[in-house]
Structures are given as C-alpha cells and as structure tokens.
Amino acid sequence: MKFVTAIIKPFKLDEVRGALSAIGVQGLTVTEVKGFGRQKGHTELYRGAEYVVDFLPKVKLEIAVADDLVEQSIEAIEKAAQTGKIGDGKIFVFDLEHVVRIRTGETGEAAI
C-alpha cells in the first residue's frame, strides 16, 4: 500500500477528483494549504499599499491506494492537474505500513 500526497492548484481539484474516481480510488482527503516552490510569491496592491504574497494558495490531496493502483493514480493526478505553467504542483508517494478502518476493525487493503 502507498500513501499518495499531491499539491495542486485549487481550481484543478474537481478535475483531479473526477480522474481518481474514474480509476476506482474510493476516498481522498483535501486540505487547503499555502506554500511556494519555484513559483515563489508575487506583489499585490491593497488599499494603495504594495505587499508581497509569499505563500500561494494550493490544495493538498491525500489518498491511500493499493500497490496496483499507484501508477494509475499518479498518472490520473498528473494529467488532470497539469496546466503547463509554473506552479502546477508535486506528487509524493510514501510507503503505507498499516491501515485500520475504525468502524469495522478491517486492516490492510480491506480498510482502504
């Protein structure tokens, strides 16, 4: 099992969710986050004052998937989230050792 985390642009969330559902990913967790990489920040004007926006709004997706769905999940996120412009995001994949479904007590892939 793997734990896949993706940081994407907020307006791409619905497309990514749809792409993951289409390949059979059952559930995901979404968090609104802020950060920057190569995109860095930008300068904005507010009430006549100029200020630097250091952290840009992003969406963080987290999914737990069986090993046989990892590559499909990565491809689905990559295709759906891509705009071709700087700041499209990143995908991280971690080993997932143990999962427990609290309601039923199921463990491992059955709990995903």
PDB file of N, CA and C in Angstrom:
ATOM      1  N   MET A   1       0.845  -1.178   0.000  1.00  0.00           N
ATOM      2  CA  MET A   1       0.000   0.000   0.000  1.00  0.00           C
ATOM      3  C   MET A   1       0.889   1.240   0.000  1.00  0.00           C
ATOM      4  N   LYS A   2       0.366   2.292  -0.610  1.00  0.00           N
ATOM      5  CA  LYS A   2       1.097   3.557  -0.693  1.00  0.00           C
ATOM      6  C   LYS A   2       0.187   4.694  -0.249  1.00  0.00           C
ATOM      7  N   PHE A   3       0.820   5.751   0.243  1.00  0.00           N
ATOM      8  CA  PHE A   3       0.134   6.969   0.625  1.00  0.00           C
ATOM      9  C   PHE A   3       0.588   8.035  -0.360  1.00  0.00           C
ATOM     10  N   VAL A   4      -0.326   8.524  -1.176  1.00  0.00           N
ATOM     11  CA  VAL A   4       0.000   9.491  -2.219  1.00  0.00           C
ATOM     12  C   VAL A   4      -0.482  10.867  -1.780  1.00  0.00           C
ATOM     13  N   THR A   5       0.437  11.825  -1.797  1.00  0.00           N
ATOM     14  CA  THR A   5       0.117  13.202  -1.459  1.00  0.00           C
ATOM     15  C   THR A   5       0.400  14.063  -2.680  1.00  0.00           C
ATOM     16  N   ALA A   6      -0.541  14.902  -3.040  1.00  0.00           N
ATOM     17  CA  ALA A   6      -0.358  15.792  -4.187  1.00  0.00           C
ATOM     18  C   ALA A   6      -0.698  17.212  -3.782  1.00  0.00           C
ATOM     19  N   ILE A   7       0.145  18.138  -4.222  1.00  0.00           N
ATOM     20  CA  ILE A   7      -0.112  19.556  -4.028  1.00  0.00           C
ATOM     21  C   ILE A   7      -0.457  20.108  -5.405  1.00  0.00           C
ATOM     22  N   ILE A   8      -1.678  20.664  -5.547  1.00  0.00           N
ATOM     23  CA  ILE A   8      -2.137  21.122  -6.854  1.00  0.00           C
ATOM     24  C   ILE A   8      -2.759  22.512  -6.752  1.00  0.00           C
ATOM     25  N   LYS A   9      -3.038  23.095  -7.909  1.00  0.00           N
ATOM     26  CA  LYS A   9      -3.743  24.382  -7.942  1.00  0.00           C
ATOM     27  C   LYS A   9      -5.208  24.152  -7.552  1.00  0.00           C
ATOM     28  N   PRO A  10      -5.777  25.047  -6.760  1.00  0.00           N
ATOM     29  CA  PRO A  10      -7.149  24.840  -6.262  1.00  0.00           C
ATOM     30  C   PRO A  10      -8.202  24.628  -7.347  1.00  0.00           C
ATOM     31  N   PHE A  11      -8.102  25.334  -8.462  1.00  0.00           N
ATOM     32  CA  PHE A  11      -9.138  25.214  -9.490  1.00  0.00           C
ATOM     33  C   PHE A  11      -9.085  23.890 -10.239  1.00  0.00           C
ATOM     34  N   LYS A  12      -8.061  23.077  -9.993  1.00  0.00           N
ATOM     35  CA  LYS A  12      -7.945  21.770 -10.638  1.00  0.00           C
ATOM     36  C   LYS A  12      -8.522  20.641  -9.782  1.00  0.00           C
ATOM     37  N   LEU A  13      -8.997  20.947  -8.602  1.00  0.00           N
ATOM     38  CA  LEU A  13      -9.471  19.927  -7.666  1.00  0.00           C
ATOM     39  C   LEU A  13     -10.570  19.040  -8.251  1.00  0.00           C
ATOM     40  N   ASP A  14     -11.593  19.626  -8.845  1.00  0.00           N
ATOM     41  CA  ASP A  14     -12.703  18.824  -9.376  1.00  0.00           C
ATOM     42  C   ASP A  14     -12.253  17.880 -10.483  1.00  0.00           C
ATOM     43  N   GLU A  15     -11.361  18.356 -11.352  1.00  0.00           N
ATOM     44  CA  GLU A  15     -10.847  17.503 -12.423  1.00  0.00           C
ATOM     45  C   GLU A  15     -10.058  16.323 -11.863  1.00  0.00           C
ATOM     46  N   VAL A  16      -9.218  16.599 -10.874  1.00  0.00           N
ATOM     47  CA  VAL A  16      -8.400  15.539 -10.273  1.00  0.00           C
ATOM     48  C   VAL A  16      -9.292  14.537  -9.544  1.00  0.00           C
ATOM     49  N   ARG A  17     -10.267  15.035  -8.804  1.00  0.00           N
ATOM     50  CA  ARG A  17     -11.193  14.142  -8.098  1.00  0.00           C
ATOM     51  C   ARG A  17     -11.925  13.233  -9.078  1.00  0.00           C
ATOM     52  N   GLY A  18     -12.379  13.787 -10.178  1.00  0.00           N
ATOM     53  CA  GLY A  18     -13.061  13.009 -11.204  1.00  0.00           C
ATOM     54  C   GLY A  18     -12.153  11.956 -11.821  1.00  0.00           C
ATOM     55  N   ALA A  19     -10.914  12.322 -12.087  1.00  0.00           N
ATOM     56  CA  ALA A  19      -9.957  11.386 -12.683  1.00  0.00           C
ATOM     57  C   ALA A  19      -9.650  10.236 -11.725  1.00  0.00           C
ATOM     58  N   LEU A  20      -9.539  10.539 -10.439  1.00  0.00           N
ATOM     59  CA  LEU A  20      -9.269   9.490  -9.450  1.00  0.00           C
ATOM     60  C   LEU A  20     -10.479   8.573  -9.283  1.00  0.00           C
ATOM     61  N   SER A  21     -11.661   9.145  -9.284  1.00  0.00           N
ATOM     62  CA  SER A  21     -12.880   8.330  -9.181  1.00  0.00           C
ATOM     63  C   SER A  21     -13.003   7.395 -10.371  1.00  0.00           C
ATOM     64  N   ALA A  22     -12.623   7.871 -11.542  1.00  0.00           N
ATOM     65  CA  ALA A  22     -12.731   7.074 -12.766  1.00  0.00           C
ATOM     66  C   ALA A  22     -11.849   5.825 -12.745  1.00  0.00           C
ATOM     67  N   ILE A  23     -10.748   5.867 -11.984  1.00  0.00           N
ATOM     68  CA  ILE A  23      -9.868   4.692 -11.920  1.00  0.00           C
ATOM     69  C   ILE A  23     -10.143   3.829 -10.692  1.00  0.00           C
ATOM     70  N   GLY A  24     -11.132   4.224  -9.886  1.00  0.00           N
ATOM     71  CA  GLY A  24     -11.533   3.395  -8.755  1.00  0.00           C
ATOM     72  C   GLY A  24     -10.998   3.797  -7.401  1.00  0.00           C
ATOM     73  N   VAL A  25     -10.425   4.984  -7.297  1.00  0.00           N
ATOM     74  CA  VAL A  25      -9.979   5.461  -5.981  1.00  0.00           C
ATOM     75  C   VAL A  25     -11.216   5.854  -5.193  1.00  0.00           C
ATOM     76  N   GLN A  26     -11.393   5.229  -4.021  1.00  0.00           N
ATOM     77  CA  GLN A  26     -12.625   5.379  -3.246  1.00  0.00           C
ATOM     78  C   GLN A  26     -12.722   6.671  -2.449  1.00  0.00           C
ATOM     79  N   GLY A  27     -11.653   7.069  -1.799  1.00  0.00           N
ATOM     80  CA  GLY A  27     -11.745   8.233  -0.930  1.00  0.00           C
ATOM     81  C   GLY A  27     -10.481   9.057  -0.959  1.00  0.00           C
ATOM     82  N   LEU A  28     -10.620  10.329  -0.593  1.00  0.00           N
ATOM     83  CA  LEU A  28      -9.453  11.188  -0.501  1.00  0.00           C
ATOM     84  C   LEU A  28      -9.696  12.262   0.531  1.00  0.00           C
ATOM     85  N   THR A  29      -8.614  12.806   1.011  1.00  0.00           N
ATOM     86  CA  THR A  29      -8.673  13.900   1.972  1.00  0.00           C
ATOM     87  C   THR A  29      -8.133  15.142   1.281  1.00  0.00           C
ATOM     88  N   VAL A  30      -8.818  16.266   1.450  1.00  0.00           N
ATOM     89  CA  VAL A  30      -8.415  17.517   0.815  1.00  0.00           C
ATOM     90  C   VAL A  30      -8.193  18.563   1.900  1.00  0.00           C
ATOM     91  N   THR A  31      -7.078  19.259   1.791  1.00  0.00           N
ATOM     92  CA  THR A  31      -6.748  20.320   2.737  1.00  0.00           C
ATOM     93  C   THR A  31      -6.347  21.558   1.958  1.00  0.00           C
ATOM     94  N   GLU A  32      -6.848  22.705   2.346  1.00  0.00           N
ATOM     95  CA  GLU A  32      -6.390  23.954   1.745  1.00  0.00           C
ATOM     96  C   GLU A  32      -5.089  24.337   2.431  1.00  0.00           C
ATOM     97  N   VAL A  33      -4.043  24.548   1.627  1.00  0.00           N
ATOM     98  CA  VAL A  33      -2.718  24.867   2.170  1.00  0.00           C
ATOM     99  C   VAL A  33      -2.153  26.075   1.434  1.00  0.00           C
ATOM    100  N   LYS A  34      -1.050  26.591   1.937  1.00  0.00           N
ATOM    101  CA  LYS A  34      -0.333  27.680   1.277  1.00  0.00           C
ATOM    102  C   LYS A  34       1.136  27.311   1.235  1.00  0.00           C
ATOM    103  N   GLY A  35       1.807  27.715   0.172  1.00  0.00           N
ATOM    104  CA  GLY A  35       3.222  27.433   0.069  1.00  0.00           C
ATOM    105  C   GLY A  35       3.799  28.009  -1.201  1.00  0.00           C
ATOM    106  N   PHE A  36       5.075  27.723  -1.417  1.00  0.00           N
ATOM    107  CA  PHE A  36       5.704  28.146  -2.663  1.00  0.00           C
ATOM    108  C   PHE A  36       6.889  27.254  -2.953  1.00  0.00           C
ATOM    109  N   GLY A  37       7.233  27.192  -4.217  1.00  0.00           N
ATOM    110  CA  GLY A  37       8.406  26.485  -4.693  1.00  0.00           C
ATOM    111  C   GLY A  37       9.094  27.405  -5.669  1.00  0.00           C
ATOM    112  N   ARG A  38       9.268  26.934  -6.876  1.00  0.00           N
ATOM    113  CA  ARG A  38       9.877  27.787  -7.910  1.00  0.00           C
ATOM    114  C   ARG A  38       8.983  28.956  -8.276  1.00  0.00           C
ATOM    115  N   GLN A  39       7.687  28.789  -8.058  1.00  0.00           N
ATOM    116  CA  GLN A  39       6.732  29.833  -8.410  1.00  0.00           C
ATOM    117  C   GLN A  39       6.947  31.081  -7.552  1.00  0.00           C
ATOM    118  N   LYS A  40       7.451  30.898  -6.370  1.00  0.00           N
ATOM    119  CA  LYS A  40       7.678  31.973  -5.403  1.00  0.00           C
ATOM    120  C   LYS A  40       6.398  32.768  -5.181  1.00  0.00           C
ATOM    121  N   GLY A  41       6.524  33.987  -4.733  1.00  0.00           N
ATOM    122  CA  GLY A  41       5.343  34.804  -4.477  1.00  0.00           C
ATOM    123  C   GLY A  41       5.189  35.855  -5.551  1.00  0.00           C
ATOM    124  N   HIS A  42       4.343  36.810  -5.272  1.00  0.00           N
ATOM    125  CA  HIS A  42       4.158  37.923  -6.187  1.00  0.00           C
ATOM    126  C   HIS A  42       3.736  39.150  -5.382  1.00  0.00           C
ATOM    127  N   THR A  43       3.782  40.308  -6.017  1.00  0.00           N
ATOM    128  CA  THR A  43       3.436  41.559  -5.352  1.00  0.00           C
ATOM    129  C   THR A  43       2.012  41.956  -5.719  1.00  0.00           C
ATOM    130  N   GLU A  44       1.266  42.424  -4.726  1.00  0.00           N
ATOM    131  CA  GLU A  44      -0.100  42.888  -4.961  1.00  0.00           C
ATOM    132  C   GLU A  44      -0.294  44.256  -4.331  1.00  0.00           C
ATOM    133  N   LEU A  45      -1.293  44.964  -4.824  1.00  0.00           N
ATOM    134  CA  LEU A  45      -1.676  46.243  -4.231  1.00  0.00           C
ATOM    135  C   LEU A  45      -2.959  46.059  -3.436  1.00  0.00           C
ATOM    136  N   TYR A  46      -2.976  46.584  -2.216  1.00  0.00           N
ATOM    137  CA  TYR A  46      -4.176  46.531  -1.392  1.00  0.00           C
ATOM    138  C   TYR A  46      -4.341  47.878  -0.716  1.00  0.00           C
ATOM    139  N   ARG A  47      -5.433  48.570  -1.039  1.00  0.00           N
ATOM    140  CA  ARG A  47      -5.714  49.904  -0.488  1.00  0.00           C
ATOM    141  C   ARG A  47      -4.521  50.847  -0.663  1.00  0.00           C
ATOM    142  N   GLY A  48      -3.937  50.785  -1.840  1.00  0.00           N
ATOM    143  CA  GLY A  48      -2.841  51.696  -2.160  1.00  0.00           C
ATOM    144  C   GLY A  48      -1.482  51.261  -1.653  1.00  0.00           C
ATOM    145  N   ALA A  49      -1.431  50.226  -0.850  1.00  0.00           N
ATOM    146  CA  ALA A  49      -0.145  49.751  -0.317  1.00  0.00           C
ATOM    147  C   ALA A  49       0.281  48.498  -1.075  1.00  0.00           C
ATOM    148  N   GLU A  50       1.565  48.413  -1.368  1.00  0.00           N
ATOM    149  CA  GLU A  50       2.102  47.258  -2.069  1.00  0.00           C
ATOM    150  C   GLU A  50       2.627  46.260  -1.043  1.00  0.00           C
ATOM    151  N   TYR A  51       2.284  45.000  -1.217  1.00  0.00           N
ATOM    152  CA  TYR A  51       2.813  43.992  -0.313  1.00  0.00           C
ATOM    153  C   TYR A  51       3.104  42.713  -1.085  1.00  0.00           C
ATOM    154  N   VAL A  52       3.981  41.897  -0.519  1.00  0.00           N
ATOM    155  CA  VAL A  52       4.413  40.672  -1.173  1.00  0.00           C
ATOM    156  C   VAL A  52       3.600  39.505  -0.638  1.00  0.00           C
ATOM    157  N   VAL A  53       3.044  38.712  -1.544  1.00  0.00           N
ATOM    158  CA  VAL A  53       2.345  37.497  -1.171  1.00  0.00           C
ATOM    159  C   VAL A  53       3.365  36.371  -1.287  1.00  0.00           C
ATOM    160  N   ASP A  54       3.897  35.940  -0.134  1.00  0.00           N
ATOM    161  CA  ASP A  54       4.953  34.929  -0.130  1.00  0.00           C
ATOM    162  C   ASP A  54       4.408  33.523  -0.351  1.00  0.00           C
ATOM    163  N   PHE A  55       3.252  33.240   0.198  1.00  0.00           N
ATOM    164  CA  PHE A  55       2.695  31.897   0.121  1.00  0.00           C
ATOM    165  C   PHE A  55       1.452  31.906  -0.760  1.00  0.00           C
ATOM    166  N   LEU A  56       1.432  31.008  -1.714  1.00  0.00           N
ATOM    167  CA  LEU A  56       0.335  30.939  -2.664  1.00  0.00           C
ATOM    168  C   LEU A  56      -0.652  29.851  -2.254  1.00  0.00           C
ATOM    169  N   PRO A  57      -1.949  30.064  -2.489  1.00  0.00           N
ATOM    170  CA  PRO A  57      -2.940  29.053  -2.105  1.00  0.00           C
ATOM    171  C   PRO A  57      -2.830  27.812  -2.997  1.00  0.00           C
ATOM    172  N   LYS A  58      -2.850  26.660  -2.358  1.00  0.00           N
ATOM    173  CA  LYS A  58      -2.806  25.367  -3.044  1.00  0.00           C
ATOM    174  C   LYS A  58      -3.795  24.437  -2.360  1.00  0.00           C
ATOM    175  N   VAL A  59      -3.983  23.262  -2.946  1.00  0.00           N
ATOM    176  CA  VAL A  59      -4.805  22.223  -2.352  1.00  0.00           C
ATOM    177  C   VAL A  59      -3.934  20.989  -2.192  1.00  0.00           C
ATOM    178  N   LYS A  60      -4.015  20.375  -1.032  1.00  0.00           N
ATOM    179  CA  LYS A  60      -3.253  19.157  -0.759  1.00  0.00           C
ATOM    180  C   LYS A  60      -4.222  17.976  -0.732  1.00  0.00           C
ATOM    181  N   LEU A  61      -3.972  17.000  -1.605  1.00  0.00           N
ATOM    182  CA  LEU A  61      -4.777  15.782  -1.657  1.00  0.00           C
ATOM    183  C   LEU A  61      -3.992  14.651  -1.021  1.00  0.00           C
ATOM    184  N   GLU A  62      -4.673  13.822  -0.265  1.00  0.00           N
ATOM    185  CA  GLU A  62      -4.035  12.645   0.318  1.00  0.00           C
ATOM    186  C   GLU A  62      -4.915  11.440   0.034  1.00  0.00           C
ATOM    187  N   ILE A  63      -4.300  10.401  -0.554  1.00  0.00           N
ATOM    188  CA  ILE A  63      -5.036   9.172  -0.825  1.00  0.00           C
ATOM    189  C   ILE A  63      -4.196   7.971  -0.426  1.00  0.00           C
ATOM    190  N   ALA A  64      -4.865   6.963   0.081  1.00  0.00           N
ATOM    191  CA  ALA A  64      -4.227   5.685   0.381  1.00  0.00           C
ATOM    192  C   ALA A  64      -4.670   4.722  -0.713  1.00  0.00           C
ATOM    193  N   VAL A  65      -3.718   4.100  -1.397  1.00  0.00           N
ATOM    194  CA  VAL A  65      -4.055   3.214  -2.508  1.00  0.00           C
ATOM    195  C   VAL A  65      -3.294   1.895  -2.412  1.00  0.00           C
ATOM    196  N   ALA A  66      -3.894   0.858  -2.974  1.00  0.00           N
ATOM    197  CA  ALA A  66      -3.224  -0.432  -3.087  1.00  0.00           C
ATOM    198  C   ALA A  66      -2.085  -0.289  -4.087  1.00  0.00           C
ATOM    199  N   ASP A  67      -1.076  -1.140  -3.953  1.00  0.00           N
ATOM    200  CA  ASP A  67       0.099  -1.058  -4.813  1.00  0.00           C
ATOM    201  C   ASP A  67      -0.244  -1.091  -6.299  1.00  0.00           C
ATOM    202  N   ASP A  68      -1.270  -1.851  -6.675  1.00  0.00           N
ATOM    203  CA  ASP A  68      -1.603  -1.966  -8.098  1.00  0.00           C
ATOM    204  C   ASP A  68      -2.293  -0.720  -8.671  1.00  0.00           C
ATOM    205  N   LEU A  69      -2.665   0.238  -7.816  1.00  0.00           N
ATOM    206  CA  LEU A  69      -3.298   1.473  -8.287  1.00  0.00           C
ATOM    207  C   LEU A  69      -2.374   2.686  -8.231  1.00  0.00           C
ATOM    208  N   VAL A  70      -1.153   2.497  -7.746  1.00  0.00           N
ATOM    209  CA  VAL A  70      -0.261   3.640  -7.537  1.00  0.00           C
ATOM    210  C   VAL A  70       0.057   4.366  -8.842  1.00  0.00           C
ATOM    211  N   GLU A  71       0.544   3.653  -9.830  1.00  0.00           N
ATOM    212  CA  GLU A  71       0.936   4.295 -11.089  1.00  0.00           C
ATOM    213  C   GLU A  71      -0.255   4.943 -11.779  1.00  0.00           C
ATOM    214  N   GLN A  72      -1.406   4.264 -11.772  1.00  0.00           N
ATOM    215  CA  GLN A  72      -2.612   4.842 -12.374  1.00  0.00           C
ATOM    216  C   GLN A  72      -3.018   6.119 -11.650  1.00  0.00           C
ATOM    217  N   SER A  73      -2.894   6.122 -10.324  1.00  0.00           N
ATOM    218  CA  SER A  73      -3.255   7.300  -9.525  1.00  0.00           C
ATOM    219  C   SER A  73      -2.344   8.476  -9.856  1.00  0.00           C
ATOM    220  N   ILE A  74      -1.053   8.205  -9.950  1.00  0.00           N
ATOM    221  CA  ILE A  74      -0.090   9.259 -10.274  1.00  0.00           C
ATOM    222  C   ILE A  74      -0.396   9.841 -11.649  1.00  0.00           C
ATOM    223  N   GLU A  75      -0.628   8.974 -12.627  1.00  0.00           N
ATOM    224  CA  GLU A  75      -0.932   9.437 -13.978  1.00  0.00           C
ATOM    225  C   GLU A  75      -2.228  10.244 -14.021  1.00  0.00           C
ATOM    226  N   ALA A  76      -3.242   9.787 -13.287  1.00  0.00           N
ATOM    227  CA  ALA A  76      -4.525  10.493 -13.264  1.00  0.00           C
ATOM    228  C   ALA A  76      -4.363  11.892 -12.676  1.00  0.00           C
ATOM    229  N   ILE A  77      -3.632  11.989 -11.572  1.00  0.00           N
ATOM    230  CA  ILE A  77      -3.413  13.299 -10.940  1.00  0.00           C
ATOM    231  C   ILE A  77      -2.609  14.188 -11.876  1.00  0.00           C
ATOM    232  N   GLU A  78      -1.542  13.624 -12.431  1.00  0.00           N
ATOM    233  CA  GLU A  78      -0.657  14.397 -13.301  1.00  0.00           C
ATOM    234  C   GLU A  78      -1.402  14.972 -14.506  1.00  0.00           C
ATOM    235  N   LYS A  79      -2.187  14.146 -15.182  1.00  0.00           N
ATOM    236  CA  LYS A  79      -2.913  14.604 -16.373  1.00  0.00           C
ATOM    237  C   LYS A  79      -3.996  15.625 -16.018  1.00  0.00           C
ATOM    238  N   ALA A  80      -4.721  15.381 -14.944  1.00  0.00           N
ATOM    239  CA  ALA A  80      -5.833  16.265 -14.588  1.00  0.00           C
ATOM    240  C   ALA A  80      -5.364  17.588 -13.996  1.00  0.00           C
ATOM    241  N   ALA A  81      -4.229  17.604 -13.321  1.00  0.00           N
ATOM    242  CA  ALA A  81      -3.761  18.810 -12.634  1.00  0.00           C
ATOM    243  C   ALA A  81      -2.867  19.685 -13.500  1.00  0.00           C
ATOM    244  N   GLN A  82      -2.397  19.155 -14.609  1.00  0.00           N
ATOM    245  CA  GLN A  82      -1.420  19.876 -15.415  1.00  0.00           C
ATOM    246  C   GLN A  82      -2.034  21.023 -16.202  1.00  0.00           C
ATOM    247  N   THR A  83      -1.393  22.207 -16.090  1.00  0.00           N
ATOM    248  CA  THR A  83      -1.775  23.358 -16.909  1.00  0.00           C
ATOM    249  C   THR A  83      -0.640  23.721 -17.857  1.00  0.00           C
ATOM    250  N   GLY A  84       0.556  23.205 -17.570  1.00  0.00           N
ATOM    251  CA  GLY A  84       1.723  23.542 -18.373  1.00  0.00           C
ATOM    252  C   GLY A  84       2.421  24.799 -17.912  1.00  0.00           C
ATOM    253  N   LYS A  85       1.917  25.388 -16.841  1.00  0.00           N
ATOM    254  CA  LYS A  85       2.513  26.618 -16.307  1.00  0.00           C
ATOM    255  C   LYS A  85       3.186  26.325 -14.972  1.00  0.00           C
ATOM    256  N   ILE A  86       4.046  27.222 -14.574  1.00  0.00           N
ATOM    257  CA  ILE A  86       4.754  27.070 -13.308  1.00  0.00           C
ATOM    258  C   ILE A  86       3.746  27.010 -12.158  1.00  0.00           C
ATOM    259  N   GLY A  87       4.011  26.189 -11.161  1.00  0.00           N
ATOM    260  CA  GLY A  87       3.127  26.083 -10.005  1.00  0.00           C
ATOM    261  C   GLY A  87       2.081  25.000 -10.110  1.00  0.00           C
ATOM    262  N   ASP A  88       2.200  24.090 -11.088  1.00  0.00           N
ATOM    263  CA  ASP A  88       1.223  23.005 -11.230  1.00  0.00           C
ATOM    264  C   ASP A  88       1.223  22.065 -10.032  1.00  0.00           C
ATOM    265  N   GLY A  89       2.339  21.957  -9.336  1.00  0.00           N
ATOM    266  CA  GLY A  89       2.363  21.167  -8.111  1.00  0.00           C
ATOM    267  C   GLY A  89       3.334  20.009  -8.128  1.00  0.00           C
ATOM    268  N   LYS A  90       3.180  19.154  -7.133  1.00  0.00           N
ATOM    269  CA  LYS A  90       4.052  17.997  -6.960  1.00  0.00           C
ATOM    270  C   LYS A  90       3.230  16.819  -6.458  1.00  0.00           C
ATOM    271  N   ILE A  91       3.771  15.615  -6.686  1.00  0.00           N
ATOM    272  CA  ILE A  91       3.167  14.387  -6.169  1.00  0.00           C
ATOM    273  C   ILE A  91       4.230  13.655  -5.374  1.00  0.00           C
ATOM    274  N   PHE A  92       3.883  13.240  -4.162  1.00  0.00           N
ATOM    275  CA  PHE A  92       4.789  12.496  -3.295  1.00  0.00           C
ATOM    276  C   PHE A  92       4.170  11.138  -2.995  1.00  0.00           C
ATOM    277  N   VAL A  93       4.994  10.093  -2.973  1.00  0.00           N
ATOM    278  CA  VAL A  93       4.498   8.744  -2.702  1.00  0.00           C
ATOM    279  C   VAL A  93       5.296   8.167  -1.536  1.00  0.00           C
ATOM    280  N   PHE A  94       4.569   7.685  -0.517  1.00  0.00           N
ATOM    281  CA  PHE A  94       5.176   7.115   0.680  1.00  0.00           C
ATOM    282  C   PHE A  94       4.695   5.681   0.859  1.00  0.00           C
ATOM    283  N   ASP A  95       5.519   4.864   1.480  1.00  0.00           N
ATOM    284  CA  ASP A  95       5.075   3.518   1.859  1.00  0.00           C
ATOM    285  C   ASP A  95       4.069   3.646   2.993  1.00  0.00           C
ATOM    286  N   LEU A  96       3.036   2.831   2.934  1.00  0.00           N
ATOM    287  CA  LEU A  96       1.994   2.831   3.954  1.00  0.00           C
ATOM    288  C   LEU A  96       2.007   1.466   4.625  1.00  0.00           C
ATOM    289  N   GLU A  97       2.419   1.435   5.863  1.00  0.00           N
ATOM    290  CA  GLU A  97       2.621   0.162   6.552  1.00  0.00           C
ATOM    291  C   GLU A  97       1.342  -0.484   7.062  1.00  0.00           C
ATOM    292  N   HIS A  98       0.445   0.333   7.592  1.00  0.00           N
ATOM    293  CA  HIS A  98      -0.711  -0.258   8.257  1.00  0.00           C
ATOM    294  C   HIS A  98      -1.904   0.693   8.166  1.00  0.00           C
ATOM    295  N   VAL A  99      -3.082   0.130   7.925  1.00  0.00           N
ATOM    296  CA  VAL A  99      -4.321   0.910   7.874  1.00  0.00           C
ATOM    297  C   VAL A  99      -5.375   0.160   8.677  1.00  0.00           C
ATOM    298  N   VAL A 100      -6.145   0.890   9.463  1.00  0.00           N
ATOM    299  CA  VAL A 100      -7.247   0.292  10.220  1.00  0.00           C
ATOM    300  C   VAL A 100      -8.501   1.120   9.976  1.00  0.00           C
ATOM    301  N   ARG A 101      -9.571   0.454   9.562  1.00  0.00           N
ATOM    302  CA  ARG A 101     -10.866   1.128   9.463  1.00  0.00           C
ATOM    303  C   ARG A 101     -11.485   1.079  10.851  1.00  0.00           C
ATOM    304  N   ILE A 102     -11.690   2.213  11.449  1.00  0.00           N
ATOM    305  CA  ILE A 102     -12.132   2.284  12.848  1.00  0.00           C
ATOM    306  C   ILE A 102     -13.499   1.625  13.048  1.00  0.00           C
ATOM    307  N   ARG A 103     -14.439   1.887  12.157  1.00  0.00           N
ATOM    308  CA  ARG A 103     -15.800   1.379  12.320  1.00  0.00           C
ATOM    309  C   ARG A 103     -15.856  -0.146  12.379  1.00  0.00           C
ATOM    310  N   THR A 104     -15.143  -0.819  11.457  1.00  0.00           N
ATOM    311  CA  THR A 104     -15.275  -2.283  11.348  1.00  0.00           C
ATOM    312  C   THR A 104     -14.081  -3.061  11.882  1.00  0.00           C
ATOM    313  N   GLY A 105     -12.966  -2.375  12.074  1.00  0.00           N
ATOM    314  CA  GLY A 105     -11.770  -3.066  12.529  1.00  0.00           C
ATOM    315  C   GLY A 105     -10.979  -3.715  11.398  1.00  0.00           C
ATOM    316  N   GLU A 106     -11.445  -3.542  10.138  1.00  0.00           N
ATOM    317  CA  GLU A 106     -10.719  -4.093   8.993  1.00  0.00           C
ATOM    318  C   GLU A 106      -9.322  -3.474   8.944  1.00  0.00           C
ATOM    319  N   THR A 107      -8.364  -4.271   8.448  1.00  0.00           N
ATOM    320  CA  THR A 107      -6.989  -3.779   8.354  1.00  0.00           C
ATOM    321  C   THR A 107      -6.437  -4.007   6.948  1.00  0.00           C
ATOM    322  N   GLY A 108      -5.303  -3.374   6.659  1.00  0.00           N
ATOM    323  CA  GLY A 108      -4.638  -3.542   5.378  1.00  0.00           C
ATOM    324  C   GLY A 108      -5.461  -2.984   4.228  1.00  0.00           C
ATOM    325  N   GLU A 109      -5.309  -3.594   3.051  1.00  0.00           N
ATOM    326  CA  GLU A 109      -6.004  -3.111   1.855  1.00  0.00           C
ATOM    327  C   GLU A 109      -7.518  -3.137   1.998  1.00  0.00           C
ATOM    328  N   ALA A 110      -8.055  -4.026   2.803  1.00  0.00           N
ATOM    329  CA  ALA A 110      -9.508  -4.087   3.024  1.00  0.00           C
ATOM    330  C   ALA A 110     -10.014  -2.801   3.698  1.00  0.00           C
ATOM    331  N   ALA A 111      -9.134  -2.124   4.434  1.00  0.00           N
ATOM    332  CA  ALA A 111      -9.528  -0.903   5.137  1.00  0.00           C
ATOM    333  C   ALA A 111      -9.483   0.331   4.240  1.00  0.00           C
ATOM    334  N   ILE A 112      -8.843   0.193   3.092  1.00  0.00           N
ATOM    335  CA  ILE A 112      -8.776   1.332   2.163  1.00  0.00           C
ATOM    336  C   ILE A 112     -10.104   1.425   1.475  1.00  0.00           C
TER     337      ILE A 112
END
